[in-house]
Amino acid sequence: MGHHCEMLDENSFVVHFFPTLSYYRCPCLRFEEGKQEVSMPESYCYCCGGHLKHHIGNALGCKVSATLLANALTSFGKEGCRFRVDISQEDASNARVNA
């Protein structure tokens, strides 16, 4: 899921989509350079955030939250998409006890 993940602490990490040097960083629109005339709203990217929450939560068996940090849609491709994913503290503690 994503291009790579960066751990922040034991309950938080950042998911990066597509390499930094690639222009096509947005898996939703894949807009071409110069073709996107207006910035898309950030709310469009919460579809990807929901997708992350669903799959990571199911894989880990706990509740997670996803926060949009940066995206290609509002930056016209100058930034890649990044989401911070936080694992519920209570669920994380229970998972460690039950492991």
PDB file of N, CA and C in Angstrom:
ATOM      1  N   MET A   1       0.845  -1.168   0.000  1.00  0.00           N
ATOM      2  CA  MET A   1       0.000   0.000   0.000  1.00  0.00           C
ATOM      3  C   MET A   1       0.889   1.228   0.000  1.00  0.00           C
ATOM      4  N   GLY A   2       0.781   2.039  -1.015  1.00  0.00           N
ATOM      5  CA  GLY A   2       1.638   3.203  -1.137  1.00  0.00           C
ATOM      6  C   GLY A   2       3.006   2.805  -1.662  1.00  0.00           C
ATOM      7  N   HIS A   3       3.894   3.762  -1.763  1.00  0.00           N
ATOM      8  CA  HIS A   3       5.249   3.498  -2.242  1.00  0.00           C
ATOM      9  C   HIS A   3       6.139   3.047  -1.100  1.00  0.00           C
ATOM     10  N   HIS A   4       6.063   3.716   0.035  1.00  0.00           N
ATOM     11  CA  HIS A   4       6.786   3.279   1.219  1.00  0.00           C
ATOM     12  C   HIS A   4       6.168   3.901   2.465  1.00  0.00           C
ATOM     13  N   CYS A   5       6.540   3.359   3.619  1.00  0.00           N
ATOM     14  CA  CYS A   5       6.034   3.847   4.895  1.00  0.00           C
ATOM     15  C   CYS A   5       7.203   4.333   5.743  1.00  0.00           C
ATOM     16  N   GLU A   6       6.912   5.296   6.579  1.00  0.00           N
ATOM     17  CA  GLU A   6       7.912   5.882   7.474  1.00  0.00           C
ATOM     18  C   GLU A   6       7.342   5.827   8.890  1.00  0.00           C
ATOM     19  N   MET A   7       7.983   5.085   9.776  1.00  0.00           N
ATOM     20  CA  MET A   7       7.521   4.971  11.155  1.00  0.00           C
ATOM     21  C   MET A   7       7.795   6.271  11.905  1.00  0.00           C
ATOM     22  N   LEU A   8       6.799   6.746  12.638  1.00  0.00           N
ATOM     23  CA  LEU A   8       6.968   7.929  13.487  1.00  0.00           C
ATOM     24  C   LEU A   8       7.184   7.506  14.934  1.00  0.00           C
ATOM     25  N   ASP A   9       6.401   6.544  15.392  1.00  0.00           N
ATOM     26  CA  ASP A   9       6.544   5.932  16.709  1.00  0.00           C
ATOM     27  C   ASP A   9       5.834   4.585  16.630  1.00  0.00           C
ATOM     28  N   GLU A  10       5.670   3.895  17.750  1.00  0.00           N
ATOM     29  CA  GLU A  10       5.113   2.536  17.676  1.00  0.00           C
ATOM     30  C   GLU A  10       3.636   2.493  17.271  1.00  0.00           C
ATOM     31  N   ASN A  11       2.945   3.623  17.307  1.00  0.00           N
ATOM     32  CA  ASN A  11       1.530   3.646  16.933  1.00  0.00           C
ATOM     33  C   ASN A  11       1.222   4.555  15.750  1.00  0.00           C
ATOM     34  N   SER A  12       2.239   5.123  15.110  1.00  0.00           N
ATOM     35  CA  SER A  12       2.004   6.077  14.025  1.00  0.00           C
ATOM     36  C   SER A  12       3.026   5.898  12.912  1.00  0.00           C
ATOM     37  N   PHE A  13       2.565   6.074  11.685  1.00  0.00           N
ATOM     38  CA  PHE A  13       3.462   6.031  10.544  1.00  0.00           C
ATOM     39  C   PHE A  13       2.881   6.863   9.417  1.00  0.00           C
ATOM     40  N   VAL A  14       3.730   7.201   8.447  1.00  0.00           N
ATOM     41  CA  VAL A  14       3.306   7.972   7.286  1.00  0.00           C
ATOM     42  C   VAL A  14       3.397   7.064   6.064  1.00  0.00           C
ATOM     43  N   VAL A  15       2.327   7.040   5.265  1.00  0.00           N
ATOM     44  CA  VAL A  15       2.307   6.282   4.016  1.00  0.00           C
ATOM     45  C   VAL A  15       2.542   7.270   2.879  1.00  0.00           C
ATOM     46  N   HIS A  16       3.540   7.001   2.050  1.00  0.00           N
ATOM     47  CA  HIS A  16       3.887   7.841   0.903  1.00  0.00           C
ATOM     48  C   HIS A  16       3.421   7.130  -0.367  1.00  0.00           C
ATOM     49  N   PHE A  17       2.806   7.855  -1.264  1.00  0.00           N
ATOM     50  CA  PHE A  17       2.396   7.287  -2.544  1.00  0.00           C
ATOM     51  C   PHE A  17       3.325   7.753  -3.646  1.00  0.00           C
ATOM     52  N   PHE A  18       3.928   6.822  -4.338  1.00  0.00           N
ATOM     53  CA  PHE A  18       4.766   7.021  -5.514  1.00  0.00           C
ATOM     54  C   PHE A  18       6.063   7.756  -5.190  1.00  0.00           C
ATOM     55  N   PRO A  19       7.116   7.461  -5.944  1.00  0.00           N
ATOM     56  CA  PRO A  19       8.436   8.056  -5.678  1.00  0.00           C
ATOM     57  C   PRO A  19       8.409   9.578  -5.766  1.00  0.00           C
ATOM     58  N   THR A  20       9.242  10.193  -4.980  1.00  0.00           N
ATOM     59  CA  THR A  20       9.319  11.647  -4.925  1.00  0.00           C
ATOM     60  C   THR A  20       9.615  12.255  -6.294  1.00  0.00           C
ATOM     61  N   LEU A  21      10.450  11.619  -7.087  1.00  0.00           N
ATOM     62  CA  LEU A  21      10.859  12.191  -8.360  1.00  0.00           C
ATOM     63  C   LEU A  21       9.882  11.928  -9.504  1.00  0.00           C
ATOM     64  N   SER A  22       8.834  11.172  -9.259  1.00  0.00           N
ATOM     65  CA  SER A  22       7.867  10.860 -10.306  1.00  0.00           C
ATOM     66  C   SER A  22       6.787  11.937 -10.367  1.00  0.00           C
ATOM     67  N   TYR A  23       6.482  12.431 -11.572  1.00  0.00           N
ATOM     68  CA  TYR A  23       5.431  13.434 -11.695  1.00  0.00           C
ATOM     69  C   TYR A  23       4.065  12.832 -11.403  1.00  0.00           C
ATOM     70  N   TYR A  24       3.844  11.600 -11.825  1.00  0.00           N
ATOM     71  CA  TYR A  24       2.542  10.959 -11.640  1.00  0.00           C
ATOM     72  C   TYR A  24       2.447  10.327 -10.264  1.00  0.00           C
ATOM     73  N   ARG A  25       2.204  11.152  -9.264  1.00  0.00           N
ATOM     74  CA  ARG A  25       2.154  10.676  -7.893  1.00  0.00           C
ATOM     75  C   ARG A  25       0.741  10.390  -7.416  1.00  0.00           C
ATOM     76  N   CYS A  26      -0.253  10.832  -8.130  1.00  0.00           N
ATOM     77  CA  CYS A  26      -1.638  10.676  -7.692  1.00  0.00           C
ATOM     78  C   CYS A  26      -2.251   9.464  -8.384  1.00  0.00           C
ATOM     79  N   PRO A  27      -2.624   8.421  -7.636  1.00  0.00           N
ATOM     80  CA  PRO A  27      -3.195   7.245  -8.268  1.00  0.00           C
ATOM     81  C   PRO A  27      -4.632   7.465  -8.747  1.00  0.00           C
ATOM     82  N   CYS A  28      -5.257   8.576  -8.359  1.00  0.00           N
ATOM     83  CA  CYS A  28      -6.658   8.810  -8.731  1.00  0.00           C
ATOM     84  C   CYS A  28      -6.811   9.424 -10.121  1.00  0.00           C
ATOM     85  N   LEU A  29      -6.129  10.545 -10.379  1.00  0.00           N
ATOM     86  CA  LEU A  29      -6.346  11.257 -11.634  1.00  0.00           C
ATOM     87  C   LEU A  29      -5.237  11.075 -12.657  1.00  0.00           C
ATOM     88  N   ARG A  30      -4.006  10.908 -12.191  1.00  0.00           N
ATOM     89  CA  ARG A  30      -2.860  10.788 -13.098  1.00  0.00           C
ATOM     90  C   ARG A  30      -2.867  11.897 -14.144  1.00  0.00           C
ATOM     91  N   PHE A  31      -3.039  13.117 -13.664  1.00  0.00           N
ATOM     92  CA  PHE A  31      -3.110  14.264 -14.560  1.00  0.00           C
ATOM     93  C   PHE A  31      -1.784  14.477 -15.272  1.00  0.00           C
ATOM     94  N   GLU A  32      -1.851  15.026 -16.458  1.00  0.00           N
ATOM     95  CA  GLU A  32      -0.648  15.304 -17.239  1.00  0.00           C
ATOM     96  C   GLU A  32      -0.169  16.720 -16.933  1.00  0.00           C
ATOM     97  N   GLU A  33       1.112  16.934 -17.040  1.00  0.00           N
ATOM     98  CA  GLU A  33       1.687  18.245 -16.757  1.00  0.00           C
ATOM     99  C   GLU A  33       1.007  19.314 -17.605  1.00  0.00           C
ATOM    100  N   GLY A  34       0.523  20.353 -16.918  1.00  0.00           N
ATOM    101  CA  GLY A  34      -0.120  21.457 -17.618  1.00  0.00           C
ATOM    102  C   GLY A  34      -1.583  21.249 -17.940  1.00  0.00           C
ATOM    103  N   LYS A  35      -2.129  20.064 -17.738  1.00  0.00           N
ATOM    104  CA  LYS A  35      -3.529  19.794 -18.098  1.00  0.00           C
ATOM    105  C   LYS A  35      -4.495  20.108 -16.961  1.00  0.00           C
ATOM    106  N   GLN A  36      -4.032  20.036 -15.725  1.00  0.00           N
ATOM    107  CA  GLN A  36      -4.903  20.330 -14.588  1.00  0.00           C
ATOM    108  C   GLN A  36      -4.895  21.831 -14.371  1.00  0.00           C
ATOM    109  N   GLU A  37      -6.029  22.481 -14.614  1.00  0.00           N
ATOM    110  CA  GLU A  37      -6.095  23.941 -14.542  1.00  0.00           C
ATOM    111  C   GLU A  37      -6.485  24.473 -13.174  1.00  0.00           C
ATOM    112  N   VAL A  38      -7.204  23.682 -12.396  1.00  0.00           N
ATOM    113  CA  VAL A  38      -7.632  24.133 -11.067  1.00  0.00           C
ATOM    114  C   VAL A  38      -7.208  23.112 -10.021  1.00  0.00           C
ATOM    115  N   SER A  39      -6.980  23.597  -8.816  1.00  0.00           N
ATOM    116  CA  SER A  39      -6.633  22.725  -7.701  1.00  0.00           C
ATOM    117  C   SER A  39      -7.863  21.935  -7.280  1.00  0.00           C
ATOM    118  N   MET A  40      -7.705  20.657  -7.050  1.00  0.00           N
ATOM    119  CA  MET A  40      -8.816  19.821  -6.583  1.00  0.00           C
ATOM    120  C   MET A  40      -8.938  19.971  -5.070  1.00  0.00           C
ATOM    121  N   PRO A  41     -10.140  19.813  -4.521  1.00  0.00           N
ATOM    122  CA  PRO A  41     -10.295  19.918  -3.067  1.00  0.00           C
ATOM    123  C   PRO A  41      -9.653  18.729  -2.362  1.00  0.00           C
ATOM    124  N   GLU A  42      -9.121  18.968  -1.153  1.00  0.00           N
ATOM    125  CA  GLU A  42      -8.518  17.895  -0.371  1.00  0.00           C
ATOM    126  C   GLU A  42      -9.508  16.786  -0.063  1.00  0.00           C
ATOM    127  N   SER A  43     -10.789  17.106   0.015  1.00  0.00           N
ATOM    128  CA  SER A  43     -11.791  16.091   0.350  1.00  0.00           C
ATOM    129  C   SER A  43     -11.789  14.944  -0.660  1.00  0.00           C
ATOM    130  N   TYR A  44     -11.365  15.204  -1.875  1.00  0.00           N
ATOM    131  CA  TYR A  44     -11.278  14.154  -2.893  1.00  0.00           C
ATOM    132  C   TYR A  44     -10.315  13.055  -2.434  1.00  0.00           C
ATOM    133  N   CYS A  45      -9.268  13.430  -1.703  1.00  0.00           N
ATOM    134  CA  CYS A  45      -8.238  12.486  -1.276  1.00  0.00           C
ATOM    135  C   CYS A  45      -8.652  11.661  -0.062  1.00  0.00           C
ATOM    136  N   TYR A  46      -9.732  12.034   0.596  1.00  0.00           N
ATOM    137  CA  TYR A  46     -10.159  11.243   1.743  1.00  0.00           C
ATOM    138  C   TYR A  46     -10.702   9.885   1.327  1.00  0.00           C
ATOM    139  N   CYS A  47     -10.965   9.690   0.047  1.00  0.00           N
ATOM    140  CA  CYS A  47     -11.291   8.359  -0.474  1.00  0.00           C
ATOM    141  C   CYS A  47     -10.085   7.444  -0.259  1.00  0.00           C
ATOM    142  N   CYS A  48      -8.883   7.917  -0.607  1.00  0.00           N
ATOM    143  CA  CYS A  48      -7.656   7.143  -0.380  1.00  0.00           C
ATOM    144  C   CYS A  48      -7.412   6.961   1.115  1.00  0.00           C
ATOM    145  N   GLY A  49      -7.695   7.986   1.905  1.00  0.00           N
ATOM    146  CA  GLY A  49      -7.545   7.878   3.358  1.00  0.00           C
ATOM    147  C   GLY A  49      -8.459   6.806   3.927  1.00  0.00           C
ATOM    148  N   GLY A  50      -9.681   6.736   3.450  1.00  0.00           N
ATOM    149  CA  GLY A  50     -10.615   5.700   3.885  1.00  0.00           C
ATOM    150  C   GLY A  50     -10.145   4.316   3.467  1.00  0.00           C
ATOM    151  N   HIS A  51      -9.566   4.230   2.289  1.00  0.00           N
ATOM    152  CA  HIS A  51      -9.026   2.963   1.794  1.00  0.00           C
ATOM    153  C   HIS A  51      -7.881   2.496   2.700  1.00  0.00           C
ATOM    154  N   LEU A  52      -6.991   3.414   3.065  1.00  0.00           N
ATOM    155  CA  LEU A  52      -5.904   3.085   3.993  1.00  0.00           C
ATOM    156  C   LEU A  52      -6.453   2.604   5.333  1.00  0.00           C
ATOM    157  N   LYS A  53      -7.401   3.355   5.896  1.00  0.00           N
ATOM    158  CA  LYS A  53      -7.989   2.987   7.184  1.00  0.00           C
ATOM    159  C   LYS A  53      -8.584   1.593   7.134  1.00  0.00           C
ATOM    160  N   HIS A  54      -9.318   1.301   6.089  1.00  0.00           N
ATOM    161  CA  HIS A  54      -9.994   0.008   5.963  1.00  0.00           C
ATOM    162  C   HIS A  54      -8.983  -1.144   5.931  1.00  0.00           C
ATOM    163  N   HIS A  55      -8.024  -1.073   5.024  1.00  0.00           N
ATOM    164  CA  HIS A  55      -7.099  -2.184   4.841  1.00  0.00           C
ATOM    165  C   HIS A  55      -6.097  -2.332   5.982  1.00  0.00           C
ATOM    166  N   ILE A  56      -5.571  -1.220   6.482  1.00  0.00           N
ATOM    167  CA  ILE A  56      -4.624  -1.307   7.590  1.00  0.00           C
ATOM    168  C   ILE A  56      -5.337  -1.751   8.863  1.00  0.00           C
ATOM    169  N   GLY A  57      -6.536  -1.214   9.104  1.00  0.00           N
ATOM    170  CA  GLY A  57      -7.314  -1.637  10.269  1.00  0.00           C
ATOM    171  C   GLY A  57      -7.645  -3.116  10.225  1.00  0.00           C
ATOM    172  N   ASN A  58      -8.023  -3.627   9.058  1.00  0.00           N
ATOM    173  CA  ASN A  58      -8.315  -5.056   8.926  1.00  0.00           C
ATOM    174  C   ASN A  58      -7.058  -5.898   9.108  1.00  0.00           C
ATOM    175  N   ALA A  59      -5.948  -5.459   8.550  1.00  0.00           N
ATOM    176  CA  ALA A  59      -4.698  -6.214   8.658  1.00  0.00           C
ATOM    177  C   ALA A  59      -4.209  -6.288  10.106  1.00  0.00           C
ATOM    178  N   LEU A  60      -4.355  -5.188  10.840  1.00  0.00           N
ATOM    179  CA  LEU A  60      -3.872  -5.132  12.214  1.00  0.00           C
ATOM    180  C   LEU A  60      -4.935  -5.531  13.234  1.00  0.00           C
ATOM    181  N   GLY A  61      -6.183  -5.592  12.811  1.00  0.00           N
ATOM    182  CA  GLY A  61      -7.262  -5.943  13.719  1.00  0.00           C
ATOM    183  C   GLY A  61      -7.559  -4.872  14.743  1.00  0.00           C
ATOM    184  N   CYS A  62      -7.432  -3.608  14.348  1.00  0.00           N
ATOM    185  CA  CYS A  62      -7.695  -2.515  15.282  1.00  0.00           C
ATOM    186  C   CYS A  62      -8.184  -1.288  14.525  1.00  0.00           C
ATOM    187  N   LYS A  63      -8.633  -0.309  15.279  1.00  0.00           N
ATOM    188  CA  LYS A  63      -9.088   0.944  14.683  1.00  0.00           C
ATOM    189  C   LYS A  63      -7.898   1.820  14.361  1.00  0.00           C
ATOM    190  N   VAL A  64      -7.960   2.487  13.218  1.00  0.00           N
ATOM    191  CA  VAL A  64      -6.906   3.425  12.827  1.00  0.00           C
ATOM    192  C   VAL A  64      -7.550   4.704  12.316  1.00  0.00           C
ATOM    193  N   SER A  65      -6.789   5.780  12.333  1.00  0.00           N
ATOM    194  CA  SER A  65      -7.235   7.033  11.723  1.00  0.00           C
ATOM    195  C   SER A  65      -6.213   7.406  10.664  1.00  0.00           C
ATOM    196  N   ALA A  66      -6.645   8.119   9.650  1.00  0.00           N
ATOM    197  CA  ALA A  66      -5.751   8.567   8.579  1.00  0.00           C
ATOM    198  C   ALA A  66      -5.942  10.063   8.388  1.00  0.00           C
ATOM    199  N   THR A  67      -4.842  10.789   8.361  1.00  0.00           N
ATOM    200  CA  THR A  67      -4.856  12.237   8.183  1.00  0.00           C
ATOM    201  C   THR A  67      -4.056  12.591   6.942  1.00  0.00           C
ATOM    202  N   LEU A  68      -4.654  13.363   6.060  1.00  0.00           N
ATOM    203  CA  LEU A  68      -3.975  13.805   4.851  1.00  0.00           C
ATOM    204  C   LEU A  68      -2.906  14.838   5.204  1.00  0.00           C
ATOM    205  N   LEU A  69      -1.659  14.585   4.792  1.00  0.00           N
ATOM    206  CA  LEU A  69      -0.567  15.520   5.048  1.00  0.00           C
ATOM    207  C   LEU A  69      -0.218  16.332   3.810  1.00  0.00           C
ATOM    208  N   ALA A  70      -0.237  15.705   2.649  1.00  0.00           N
ATOM    209  CA  ALA A  70       0.091  16.385   1.387  1.00  0.00           C
ATOM    210  C   ALA A  70      -0.516  15.573   0.255  1.00  0.00           C
ATOM    211  N   ASN A  71      -0.795  16.249  -0.858  1.00  0.00           N
ATOM    212  CA  ASN A  71      -1.329  15.505  -1.994  1.00  0.00           C
ATOM    213  C   ASN A  71      -0.959  16.167  -3.309  1.00  0.00           C
ATOM    214  N   ALA A  72      -1.013  15.370  -4.351  1.00  0.00           N
ATOM    215  CA  ALA A  72      -0.672  15.846  -5.690  1.00  0.00           C
ATOM    216  C   ALA A  72      -1.778  16.715  -6.282  1.00  0.00           C
ATOM    217  N   LEU A  73      -3.014  16.491  -5.870  1.00  0.00           N
ATOM    218  CA  LEU A  73      -4.142  17.212  -6.464  1.00  0.00           C
ATOM    219  C   LEU A  73      -4.139  18.702  -6.148  1.00  0.00           C
ATOM    220  N   THR A  74      -3.818  19.054  -4.901  1.00  0.00           N
ATOM    221  CA  THR A  74      -3.836  20.469  -4.535  1.00  0.00           C
ATOM    222  C   THR A  74      -2.510  21.161  -4.843  1.00  0.00           C
ATOM    223  N   SER A  75      -1.452  20.380  -5.053  1.00  0.00           N
ATOM    224  CA  SER A  75      -0.137  20.974  -5.338  1.00  0.00           C
ATOM    225  C   SER A  75       0.219  20.910  -6.822  1.00  0.00           C
ATOM    226  N   PHE A  76      -0.743  20.491  -7.655  1.00  0.00           N
ATOM    227  CA  PHE A  76      -0.504  20.370  -9.100  1.00  0.00           C
ATOM    228  C   PHE A  76       0.689  19.462  -9.400  1.00  0.00           C
ATOM    229  N   GLY A  77       0.851  18.398  -8.599  1.00  0.00           N
ATOM    230  CA  GLY A  77       1.899  17.419  -8.840  1.00  0.00           C
ATOM    231  C   GLY A  77       3.247  17.765  -8.262  1.00  0.00           C
ATOM    232  N   LYS A  78       3.353  18.879  -7.550  1.00  0.00           N
ATOM    233  CA  LYS A  78       4.639  19.263  -6.974  1.00  0.00           C
ATOM    234  C   LYS A  78       4.981  18.431  -5.737  1.00  0.00           C
ATOM    235  N   GLU A  79       3.959  17.877  -5.090  1.00  0.00           N
ATOM    236  CA  GLU A  79       4.170  17.022  -3.925  1.00  0.00           C
ATOM    237  C   GLU A  79       3.501  15.681  -4.172  1.00  0.00           C
ATOM    238  N   GLY A  80       4.039  14.661  -3.542  1.00  0.00           N
ATOM    239  CA  GLY A  80       3.392  13.358  -3.579  1.00  0.00           C
ATOM    240  C   GLY A  80       2.302  13.304  -2.526  1.00  0.00           C
ATOM    241  N   CYS A  81       1.513  12.262  -2.549  1.00  0.00           N
ATOM    242  CA  CYS A  81       0.459  12.083  -1.551  1.00  0.00           C
ATOM    243  C   CYS A  81       1.055  11.419  -0.312  1.00  0.00           C
ATOM    244  N   ARG A  82       0.707  11.959   0.862  1.00  0.00           N
ATOM    245  CA  ARG A  82       1.176  11.403   2.126  1.00  0.00           C
ATOM    246  C   ARG A  82       0.034  11.424   3.130  1.00  0.00           C
ATOM    247  N   PHE A  83      -0.108  10.320   3.837  1.00  0.00           N
ATOM    248  CA  PHE A  83      -1.111  10.204   4.889  1.00  0.00           C
ATOM    249  C   PHE A  83      -0.430   9.756   6.172  1.00  0.00           C
ATOM    250  N   ARG A  84      -0.813  10.365   7.281  1.00  0.00           N
ATOM    251  CA  ARG A  84      -0.376   9.890   8.601  1.00  0.00           C
ATOM    252  C   ARG A  84      -1.431   8.900   9.075  1.00  0.00           C
ATOM    253  N   VAL A  85      -0.987   7.741   9.496  1.00  0.00           N
ATOM    254  CA  VAL A  85      -1.882   6.710  10.008  1.00  0.00           C
ATOM    255  C   VAL A  85      -1.565   6.509  11.486  1.00  0.00           C
ATOM    256  N   ASP A  86      -2.598   6.618  12.321  1.00  0.00           N
ATOM    257  CA  ASP A  86      -2.444   6.431  13.760  1.00  0.00           C
ATOM    258  C   ASP A  86      -3.266   5.241  14.201  1.00  0.00           C
ATOM    259  N   ILE A  87      -2.635   4.342  14.935  1.00  0.00           N
ATOM    260  CA  ILE A  87      -3.303   3.158  15.473  1.00  0.00           C
ATOM    261  C   ILE A  87      -3.886   3.531  16.822  1.00  0.00           C
ATOM    262  N   SER A  88      -5.117   3.118  17.075  1.00  0.00           N
ATOM    263  CA  SER A  88      -5.769   3.391  18.354  1.00  0.00           C
ATOM    264  C   SER A  88      -4.890   2.879  19.493  1.00  0.00           C
ATOM    265  N   GLN A  89      -4.601   3.746  20.463  1.00  0.00           N
ATOM    266  CA  GLN A  89      -3.751   3.371  21.601  1.00  0.00           C
ATOM    267  C   GLN A  89      -4.311   2.145  22.327  1.00  0.00           C
ATOM    268  N   GLU A  90      -5.610   2.131  22.580  1.00  0.00           N
ATOM    269  CA  GLU A  90      -6.239   1.017  23.300  1.00  0.00           C
ATOM    270  C   GLU A  90      -6.109  -0.276  22.506  1.00  0.00           C
ATOM    271  N   ASP A  91      -6.414  -0.210  21.202  1.00  0.00           N
ATOM    272  CA  ASP A  91      -6.306  -1.408  20.368  1.00  0.00           C
ATOM    273  C   ASP A  91      -4.867  -1.876  20.248  1.00  0.00           C
ATOM    274  N   ALA A  92      -3.918  -0.946  20.164  1.00  0.00           N
ATOM    275  CA  ALA A  92      -2.506  -1.304  20.050  1.00  0.00           C
ATOM    276  C   ALA A  92      -2.045  -2.013  21.318  1.00  0.00           C
ATOM    277  N   SER A  93      -2.461  -1.520  22.493  1.00  0.00           N
ATOM    278  CA  SER A  93      -2.083  -2.145  23.748  1.00  0.00           C
ATOM    279  C   SER A  93      -2.662  -3.551  23.853  1.00  0.00           C
ATOM    280  N   ASN A  94      -3.916  -3.723  23.455  1.00  0.00           N
ATOM    281  CA  ASN A  94      -4.542  -5.037  23.471  1.00  0.00           C
ATOM    282  C   ASN A  94      -3.869  -6.000  22.505  1.00  0.00           C
ATOM    283  N   ALA A  95      -3.454  -5.512  21.345  1.00  0.00           N
ATOM    284  CA  ALA A  95      -2.793  -6.365  20.359  1.00  0.00           C
ATOM    285  C   ALA A  95      -1.451  -6.864  20.912  1.00  0.00           C
ATOM    286  N   ARG A  96      -0.716  -5.993  21.617  1.00  0.00           N
ATOM    287  CA  ARG A  96       0.577  -6.404  22.167  1.00  0.00           C
ATOM    288  C   ARG A  96       0.383  -7.421  23.294  1.00  0.00           C
ATOM    289  N   VAL A  97      -0.670  -7.255  24.113  1.00  0.00           N
ATOM    290  CA  VAL A  97      -0.940  -8.191  25.207  1.00  0.00           C
ATOM    291  C   VAL A  97      -1.353  -9.545  24.648  1.00  0.00           C
ATOM    292  N   ASN A  98      -2.163  -9.541  23.571  1.00  0.00           N
ATOM    293  CA  ASN A  98      -2.677 -10.784  23.000  1.00  0.00           C
ATOM    294  C   ASN A  98      -1.696 -11.477  22.063  1.00  0.00           C
ATOM    295  N   ALA A  99      -0.592 -10.820  21.737  1.00  0.00           N
ATOM    296  CA  ALA A  99       0.358 -11.418  20.786  1.00  0.00           C
ATOM    297  C   ALA A  99       1.205 -12.501  21.418  1.00  0.00           C
TER     298      ALA A  99
END
